[in-house]
Amino acid sequence: MFSQAMAEERDPDAPMKASALIQELTGRIEKQLSETEFLVGDSLTAADITAAPLVRYSMLPEEAANQGPVHQFFYESFKLGDGRDRTRDWVNKVIAYDR
């Protein structure tokens, strides 16, 4: 998706494929978070710090679109679908550590 955000000529199918892939892959995160608070247990680890910011690009809030063309592209094109409440909560919890 980053390469698409920077491309002069974008592949119109790339966002749909990327959104489907993030939806599929976060299924594993949902399963894990049904058993533990974080990806590798009940404490924040490097796995969370590494993965959560990447997943976050699929769930940017509307105001992120005003932060520049890359954020706008991700907000408009890359979407985490339904049934990912644990993933959303986890991302927000991990990102809150950075504030």
Foldseek 3Di string as FASTA:
>chain_A
DLCQLVDPDHDPCVLVVQQVVLQVVCVVVVVCCVPAVHNPHPDDDVVLVVPLVVSVLQPDDPVQLVVDSSSVCSVPRHHHDPPNVSSVVSSVVSVVVVD
